[in-house]
C-alpha atoms as a PDB file:
ATOM      1  CA  MET A   1     108.525  97.057  65.548  1.00  0.00           C
ATOM      2  CA  SER A   2     107.560  97.696  69.505  1.00  0.00           C
ATOM      3  CA  SER A   3     110.579 100.085  70.151  1.00  0.00           C
ATOM      4  CA  LEU A   4     109.812 102.441  67.059  1.00  0.00           C
ATOM      5  CA  SER A   5     106.063 102.170  68.257  1.00  0.00           C
ATOM      6  CA  SER A   6     107.084 103.035  71.686  1.00  0.00           C
ATOM      7  CA  GLY A   7     109.006 106.329  70.706  1.00  0.00           C
ATOM      8  CA  LEU A   8     106.220 107.505  67.995  1.00  0.00           C
ATOM      9  CA  PHE A   9     103.386 106.735  70.860  1.00  0.00           C
ATOM     10  CA  VAL A  10     105.533 108.902  73.360  1.00  0.00           C
ATOM     11  CA  LEU A  11     105.799 111.447  70.815  1.00  0.00           C
ATOM     12  CA  ALA A  12     102.358 111.306  69.866  1.00  0.00           C
ATOM     13  CA  VAL A  13     101.071 111.745  73.502  1.00  0.00           C
ATOM     14  CA  LEU A  14     103.119 114.682  74.243  1.00  0.00           C
ATOM     15  CA  ALA A  15     101.985 116.381  71.168  1.00  0.00           C
ATOM     16  CA  VAL A  16      98.163 116.015  72.690  1.00  0.00           C
ATOM     17  CA  ALA A  17      98.992 116.938  75.841  1.00  0.00           C
ATOM     18  CA  TRP A  18     101.089 120.031  74.956  1.00  0.00           C
ATOM     19  CA  ARG A  19      97.977 121.126  72.386  1.00  0.00           C
ATOM     20  CA  ALA A  20      95.302 120.344  75.240  1.00  0.00           C
ATOM     21  CA  GLY A  21      97.763 122.132  77.874  1.00  0.00           C
ATOM     22  CA  SER A  22      97.515 119.178  80.293  1.00  0.00           C
ATOM     23  CA  VAL A  23     100.391 117.814  82.087  1.00  0.00           C
ATOM     24  CA  PRO A  24      98.197 114.973  83.607  1.00  0.00           C
ATOM     25  CA  ILE A  25      97.867 113.389  80.091  1.00  0.00           C
ATOM     26  CA  ALA A  26     101.358 113.433  79.532  1.00  0.00           C
ATOM     27  CA  ILE A  27     102.422 111.950  82.723  1.00  0.00           C
ATOM     28  CA  TYR A  28      99.710 109.093  83.451  1.00  0.00           C
ATOM     29  CA  LEU A  29      99.516 107.918  79.341  1.00  0.00           C
ATOM     30  CA  THR A  30     103.359 107.380  79.474  1.00  0.00           C
ATOM     31  CA  GLY A  31     104.104 106.357  82.929  1.00  0.00           C
ATOM     32  CA  PHE A  32     103.134 102.809  83.166  1.00  0.00           C
ATOM     33  CA  TRP A  33     103.502 101.027  80.140  1.00  0.00           C
ATOM     34  CA  HIS A  34     107.101  99.299  81.290  1.00  0.00           C
ATOM     35  CA  TYR A  35     104.967  97.387  83.885  1.00  0.00           C
ATOM     36  CA  LEU A  36     102.939  95.700  80.724  1.00  0.00           C
ATOM     37  CA  LEU A  37     106.293  95.038  79.250  1.00  0.00           C
ATOM     38  CA  TYR A  38     107.480  93.278  82.069  1.00  0.00           C
ATOM     39  CA  TRP A  39     104.193  90.918  82.215  1.00  0.00           C
ATOM     40  CA  LEU A  40     104.073  90.479  78.824  1.00  0.00           C
ATOM     41  CA  ALA A  41     107.872  89.234  78.575  1.00  0.00           C
ATOM     42  CA  PHE A  42     107.623  87.072  81.817  1.00  0.00           C
ATOM     43  CA  THR A  43     104.409  85.358  80.840  1.00  0.00           C
ATOM     44  CA  PHE A  44     104.866  84.610  77.236  1.00  0.00           C
ATOM     45  CA  GLY A  45     108.729  84.699  76.426  1.00  0.00           C
ATOM     46  CA  ALA A  46     108.135  85.490  72.744  1.00  0.00           C
ATOM     47  CA  ILE A  47     109.676  88.841  72.407  1.00  0.00           C
ATOM     48  CA  PRO A  48     113.817  88.763  71.890  1.00  0.00           C
ATOM     49  CA  HIS A  49     115.473  89.577  74.867  1.00  0.00           C
ATOM     50  CA  ALA A  50     117.382  92.470  73.225  1.00  0.00           C
ATOM     51  CA  VAL A  51     114.140  94.134  71.965  1.00  0.00           C
ATOM     52  CA  PHE A  52     112.561  93.586  75.439  1.00  0.00           C
ATOM     53  CA  LYS A  53     115.230  95.162  77.461  1.00  0.00           C
ATOM     54  CA  ARG A  54     115.554  98.183  74.788  1.00  0.00           C
ATOM     55  CA  ASP A  55     111.677  98.508  75.137  1.00  0.00           C
ATOM     56  CA  ALA A  56     111.631  98.202  78.982  1.00  0.00           C
ATOM     57  CA  ILE A  57     114.824 100.632  79.714  1.00  0.00           C
ATOM     58  CA  VAL A  58     113.209 103.296  77.191  1.00  0.00           C
ATOM     59  CA  MET A  59     109.486 103.209  78.514  1.00  0.00           C
ATOM     60  CA  LYS A  60     110.794 103.231  82.435  1.00  0.00           C
ATOM     61  CA  THR A  61     113.403 106.202  81.473  1.00  0.00           C
ATOM     62  CA  VAL A  62     110.277 107.942  80.256  1.00  0.00           C
ATOM     63  CA  SER A  63     108.127 107.341  83.420  1.00  0.00           C
ATOM     64  CA  VAL A  64     110.929 108.007  85.874  1.00  0.00           C
ATOM     65  CA  ALA A  65     111.267 111.357  83.864  1.00  0.00           C
ATOM     66  CA  GLY A  66     107.759 112.413  83.847  1.00  0.00           C
ATOM     67  CA  LEU A  67     107.299 111.588  87.699  1.00  0.00           C
ATOM     68  CA  ALA A  68     110.861 113.494  88.273  1.00  0.00           C
ATOM     69  CA  ALA A  69     109.442 116.641  86.567  1.00  0.00           C
ATOM     70  CA  VAL A  70     106.215 116.911  88.578  1.00  0.00           C
ATOM     71  CA  TYR A  71     108.258 115.899  91.938  1.00  0.00           C
ATOM     72  CA  LEU A  72     110.918 118.579  91.119  1.00  0.00           C
ATOM     73  CA  ALA A  73     108.136 121.143  90.709  1.00  0.00           C
ATOM     74  CA  PHE A  74     107.474 121.222  94.207  1.00  0.00           C
ATOM     75  CA  PRO A  75     109.656 122.489  97.289  1.00  0.00           C
ATOM     76  CA  LEU A  76     112.359 119.708  98.168  1.00  0.00           C
ATOM     77  CA  ASP A  77     111.475 117.539 101.256  1.00  0.00           C
ATOM     78  CA  PRO A  78     114.779 115.987 102.893  1.00  0.00           C
ATOM     79  CA  LEU A  79     112.947 113.275 104.539  1.00  0.00           C
ATOM     80  CA  SER A  80     111.399 112.267 101.246  1.00  0.00           C
ATOM     81  CA  LEU A  81     114.637 112.781  98.969  1.00  0.00           C
ATOM     82  CA  ALA A  82     116.376 110.629 101.475  1.00  0.00           C
ATOM     83  CA  VAL A  83     114.107 107.854 101.174  1.00  0.00           C
ATOM     84  CA  ILE A  84     113.929 108.198  97.303  1.00  0.00           C
ATOM     85  CA  ALA A  85     117.657 108.047  97.306  1.00  0.00           C
ATOM     86  CA  GLY A  86     117.809 105.005  99.117  1.00  0.00           C
ATOM     87  CA  GLY A  87     115.167 102.975  97.412  1.00  0.00           C
ATOM     88  CA  ILE A  88     117.177 104.184  93.901  1.00  0.00           C
ATOM     89  CA  LEU A  89     120.495 102.951  95.834  1.00  0.00           C
ATOM     90  CA  LEU A  90     119.166  99.615  96.659  1.00  0.00           C
ATOM     91  CA  ASN A  91     117.612  99.338  93.274  1.00  0.00           C
ATOM     92  CA  VAL A  92     120.771 100.180  91.538  1.00  0.00           C
ATOM     93  CA  VAL A  93     123.122  97.861  93.775  1.00  0.00           C
ATOM     94  CA  ALA A  94     120.506  95.083  93.445  1.00  0.00           C
ATOM     95  CA  ALA A  95     120.678  95.209  89.667  1.00  0.00           C
ATOM     96  CA  ALA A  96     124.636  95.219  89.463  1.00  0.00           C
ATOM     97  CA  ALA A  97     124.594  92.104  91.605  1.00  0.00           C
ATOM     98  CA  LEU A  98     121.988  90.363  89.251  1.00  0.00           C
ATOM     99  CA  GLY A  99     123.269  91.550  85.890  1.00  0.00           C
ATOM    100  CA  ALA A 100     121.550  93.487  83.162  1.00  0.00           C
ATOM    101  CA  ASP A 101     120.610  90.399  81.257  1.00  0.00           C
ATOM    102  CA  ARG A 102     119.047  88.547  84.347  1.00  0.00           C
ATOM    103  CA  THR A 103     117.592  91.691  85.783  1.00  0.00           C
ATOM    104  CA  TYR A 104     115.235  91.989  82.733  1.00  0.00           C
ATOM    105  CA  TYR A 105     114.325  88.405  83.118  1.00  0.00           C
ATOM    106  CA  GLY A 106     117.167  86.823  81.127  1.00  0.00           C
ATOM    107  CA  ILE A 107     115.812  83.354  82.362  1.00  0.00           C
ATOM    108  CA  GLU A 108     112.054  83.580  81.356  1.00  0.00           C
ATOM    109  CA  VAL A 109     112.766  85.545  78.197  1.00  0.00           C
ATOM    110  CA  ALA A 110     116.677  84.481  77.053  1.00  0.00           C
ATOM    111  CA  GLY A 111     116.707  81.161  78.586  1.00  0.00           C
ATOM    112  CA  LEU A 112     119.899  81.702  80.743  1.00  0.00           C
ATOM    113  CA  PRO A 113     120.511  79.032  83.329  1.00  0.00           C
ATOM    114  CA  PRO A 114     119.278  79.603  86.727  1.00  0.00           C
ATOM    115  CA  ARG A 115     121.754  80.943  88.999  1.00  0.00           C
ATOM    116  CA  ARG A 116     121.510  81.725  92.823  1.00  0.00           C
ATOM    117  CA  VAL A 117     122.776  85.142  93.574  1.00  0.00           C
ATOM    118  CA  GLU A 118     124.016  85.711  97.004  1.00  0.00           C
ATOM    119  CA  ARG A 119     125.800  88.863  96.707  1.00  0.00           C
ATOM    120  CA  PHE A 120     124.451  92.108  98.874  1.00  0.00           C
ATOM    121  CA  PRO A 121     121.605  93.020  98.628  1.00  0.00           C
ATOM    122  CA  TYR A 122     120.331  89.484  98.051  1.00  0.00           C
ATOM    123  CA  SER A 123     122.173  87.909 100.881  1.00  0.00           C
ATOM    124  CA  MET A 124     119.565  90.029 102.817  1.00  0.00           C
ATOM    125  CA  VAL A 125     116.385  90.204 100.968  1.00  0.00           C
ATOM    126  CA  ALA A 126     114.824  88.329  98.202  1.00  0.00           C
ATOM    127  CA  HIS A 127     113.604  90.886  96.008  1.00  0.00           C
ATOM    128  CA  PRO A 128     115.491  94.011  96.717  1.00  0.00           C
ATOM    129  CA  MET A 129     114.801  95.513  93.481  1.00  0.00           C
ATOM    130  CA  ILE A 130     110.817  95.544  94.214  1.00  0.00           C
ATOM    131  CA  LEU A 131     111.655  96.936  97.643  1.00  0.00           C
ATOM    132  CA  GLY A 132     113.756  99.627  96.284  1.00  0.00           C
ATOM    133  CA  ASN A 133     111.199 100.543  93.768  1.00  0.00           C
ATOM    134  CA  VAL A 134     108.368 100.724  96.069  1.00  0.00           C
ATOM    135  CA  MET A 135     111.007 102.950  98.633  1.00  0.00           C
ATOM    136  CA  ALA A 136     111.478 105.194  95.947  1.00  0.00           C
ATOM    137  CA  PHE A 137     107.826 105.757  94.919  1.00  0.00           C
ATOM    138  CA  GLY A 138     106.270 105.646  98.241  1.00  0.00           C
ATOM    139  CA  GLY A 139     108.960 108.117  99.365  1.00  0.00           C
ATOM    140  CA  THR A 140     107.584 110.545  96.959  1.00  0.00           C
ATOM    141  CA  LEU A 141     104.314 110.913  99.107  1.00  0.00           C
ATOM    142  CA  LEU A 142     106.492 112.185 101.984  1.00  0.00           C
ATOM    143  CA  ASN A 143     106.552 115.409 100.159  1.00  0.00           C
ATOM    144  CA  ALA A 144     103.383 117.094 101.017  1.00  0.00           C
ATOM    145  CA  GLY A 145     102.808 119.068  97.951  1.00  0.00           C
ATOM    146  CA  PHE A 146     103.471 116.155  95.473  1.00  0.00           C
ATOM    147  CA  ARG A 147     101.416 114.061  97.728  1.00  0.00           C
ATOM    148  CA  ARG A 148      98.426 116.655  97.619  1.00  0.00           C
ATOM    149  CA  ASP A 149      98.420 116.736  93.669  1.00  0.00           C
ATOM    150  CA  TRP A 150     100.060 113.511  92.437  1.00  0.00           C
ATOM    151  CA  TRP A 151      99.147 110.825  95.082  1.00  0.00           C
ATOM    152  CA  PRO A 152      97.334 108.731  92.460  1.00  0.00           C
ATOM    153  CA  LEU A 153     100.477 108.666  90.569  1.00  0.00           C
ATOM    154  CA  ALA A 154     102.890 107.391  93.114  1.00  0.00           C
ATOM    155  CA  LEU A 155     100.322 104.977  94.649  1.00  0.00           C
ATOM    156  CA  VAL A 156      99.640 103.184  91.047  1.00  0.00           C
ATOM    157  CA  HIS A 157     103.683 102.929  90.812  1.00  0.00           C
ATOM    158  CA  VAL A 158     103.553 100.997  94.469  1.00  0.00           C
ATOM    159  CA  VAL A 159     100.794  98.905  93.768  1.00  0.00           C
ATOM    160  CA  LEU A 160     101.999  97.698  90.098  1.00  0.00           C
ATOM    161  CA  ASN A 161     105.455  97.008  91.692  1.00  0.00           C
ATOM    162  CA  ILE A 162     103.851  94.785  94.154  1.00  0.00           C
ATOM    163  CA  SER A 163     101.890  93.213  91.066  1.00  0.00           C
ATOM    164  CA  LEU A 164     105.355  92.104  89.673  1.00  0.00           C
ATOM    165  CA  LEU A 165     106.340  90.744  92.687  1.00  0.00           C
ATOM    166  CA  VAL A 166     103.595  88.604  92.865  1.00  0.00           C
ATOM    167  CA  MET A 167     103.749  87.492  89.250  1.00  0.00           C
ATOM    168  CA  GLU A 168     107.296  86.683  89.965  1.00  0.00           C
ATOM    169  CA  LEU A 169     106.380  84.308  93.033  1.00  0.00           C
ATOM    170  CA  ARG A 170     103.523  82.624  91.261  1.00  0.00           C
ATOM    171  CA  GLY A 171     105.832  82.017  88.468  1.00  0.00           C
ATOM    172  CA  ARG A 172     102.740  81.228  85.831  1.00  0.00           C
ATOM    173  CA  ARG A 173     103.989  81.252  82.169  1.00  0.00           C
ATOM    174  CA  SER A 174     102.120  80.282  79.102  1.00  0.00           C
ATOM    175  CA  GLY A 175     104.777  80.813  76.269  1.00  0.00           C
ATOM    176  CA  PRO A 176     103.867  82.147  72.907  1.00  0.00           C
ATOM    177  CA  VAL A 177     100.400  82.132  71.707  1.00  0.00           C
ATOM    178  CA  GLY A 178      98.671  82.943  68.150  1.00  0.00           C
ATOM    179  CA  VAL A 179      97.665  86.341  67.647  1.00  0.00           C
ATOM    180  CA  ASP A 180      95.592  87.969  64.450  1.00  0.00           C
ATOM    181  CA  ALA A 181      97.708  91.065  63.814  1.00  0.00           C
ATOM    182  CA  SER A 182      95.117  92.196  61.258  1.00  0.00           C
ATOM    183  CA  LEU A 183      92.763  93.095  64.039  1.00  0.00           C
ATOM    184  CA  GLY A 184      94.733  96.021  64.974  1.00  0.00           C
ATOM    185  CA  PHE A 185      92.774  98.477  63.161  1.00  0.00           C
ATOM    186  CA  TRP A 186      89.440  97.708  64.567  1.00  0.00           C
ATOM    187  CA  VAL A 187      91.146  97.716  68.088  1.00  0.00           C
ATOM    188  CA  ALA A 188      92.029 101.172  67.182  1.00  0.00           C
ATOM    189  CA  VAL A 189      88.924 102.169  66.051  1.00  0.00           C
ATOM    190  CA  LEU A 190      86.813 100.763  69.355  1.00  0.00           C
ATOM    191  CA  GLY A 191      89.510 102.603  71.165  1.00  0.00           C
ATOM    192  CA  ALA A 192      88.727 105.806  69.438  1.00  0.00           C
ATOM    193  CA  ALA A 193      84.933 105.333  69.929  1.00  0.00           C
ATOM    194  CA  VAL A 194      85.197 104.784  73.549  1.00  0.00           C
ATOM    195  CA  GLY A 195      87.573 107.916  73.917  1.00  0.00           C
ATOM    196  CA  ALA A 196      84.708 109.733  72.093  1.00  0.00           C
ATOM    197  CA  LEU A 197      82.007 108.790  73.937  1.00  0.00           C
ATOM    198  CA  PHE A 198      83.482 109.959  77.460  1.00  0.00           C
ATOM    199  CA  PHE A 199      86.080 112.957  76.413  1.00  0.00           C
ATOM    200  CA  GLY A 200      84.886 113.872  72.955  1.00  0.00           C
ATOM    201  CA  PRO A 201      87.343 114.374  69.968  1.00  0.00           C
ATOM    202  CA  GLN A 202      90.373 114.672  72.077  1.00  0.00           C
ATOM    203  CA  GLY A 203      89.482 111.437  73.883  1.00  0.00           C
ATOM    204  CA  ALA A 204      89.080 109.904  70.344  1.00  0.00           C
ATOM    205  CA  VAL A 205      92.646 110.693  69.517  1.00  0.00           C
ATOM    206  CA  LEU A 206      94.001 109.401  72.813  1.00  0.00           C
ATOM    207  CA  GLY A 207      91.840 106.202  72.749  1.00  0.00           C
ATOM    208  CA  ALA A 208      93.038 105.391  69.055  1.00  0.00           C
ATOM    209  CA  LEU A 209      96.547 106.368  70.476  1.00  0.00           C
ATOM    210  CA  VAL A 210      96.273 103.964  73.605  1.00  0.00           C
ATOM    211  CA  SER A 211      94.615 100.821  72.206  1.00  0.00           C
ATOM    212  CA  GLY A 212      96.774 101.002  68.833  1.00  0.00           C
ATOM    213  CA  TYR A 213      99.888 100.938  70.891  1.00  0.00           C
ATOM    214  CA  LEU A 214      98.474  98.325  73.141  1.00  0.00           C
ATOM    215  CA  TRP A 215      97.658  95.732  70.358  1.00  0.00           C
ATOM    216  CA  ILE A 216     101.007  96.221  68.944  1.00  0.00           C
ATOM    217  CA  LEU A 217     102.774  95.259  72.031  1.00  0.00           C
ATOM    218  CA  VAL A 218     100.614  92.492  72.282  1.00  0.00           C
ATOM    219  CA  CYS A 219     101.382  91.282  68.961  1.00  0.00           C
ATOM    220  CA  CYS A 220     105.180  91.800  69.575  1.00  0.00           C
ATOM    221  CA  TYR A 221     105.539  90.190  72.897  1.00  0.00           C
ATOM    222  CA  VAL A 222     102.737  87.467  72.823  1.00  0.00           C
ATOM    223  CA  LYS A 223     103.349  86.004  69.190  1.00  0.00           C
ATOM    224  CA  GLU A 224     106.129  84.065  68.374  1.00  0.00           C
ATOM    225  CA  SER A 225     108.981  86.129  67.039  1.00  0.00           C
ATOM    226  CA  PRO A 226     107.103  88.677  65.092  1.00  0.00           C
ATOM    227  CA  CYS A 227     109.305  91.756  66.241  1.00  0.00           C
ATOM    228  CA  ALA A 228     112.917  91.019  65.372  1.00  0.00           C
ATOM    229  CA  PRO A 229     115.565  92.822  66.806  1.00  0.00           C
ATOM    230  CA  THR A 230     116.960  96.197  64.690  1.00  0.00           C
END
């Protein structure tokens, strides 16, 4: 359910953004959901691991594709590209050393046994994937054109990556909790009302989309096994 909802949400936001002629709507409203997925999966561990991996990969791909599209619209800056490439390379090498399942919280979500990884780059730095992400997103800010128009986008990515590091270091987990899924309709209505209050009819649509999608993710990731693998 969460995977289907993610796809429909992205398509709906893109349709609204296209109709409104607003690239920022598309970029900002689809750019950060994978961080929420990481937090929910790590904290509650209720989602099947295969579903979490699929959701996270899809939403991160959408996020990175959106950022890349706006970044590449500006003249290329060699230093910026070099830093981005270094961050991506560090991330990829770290993920290969850790393995796909453990990269996506295999211990916390899938119950894999803890294992100390000593291969490079873990032999040199404790959290190379977070470092690589911060390098890559921070590197975009070295491009003057991108920095002028899109600095909040890169900054939020950097801050959210650091927040994931804090989450992992604290290691606080609660396990699955009860959620009344029937409240979803009223959550969407409230989101539509708030959106309409600040941004008019278009805001009502976006508010309903965002709040409704958020509620679906909460139900799938917080409640015990509500979203079976498909």
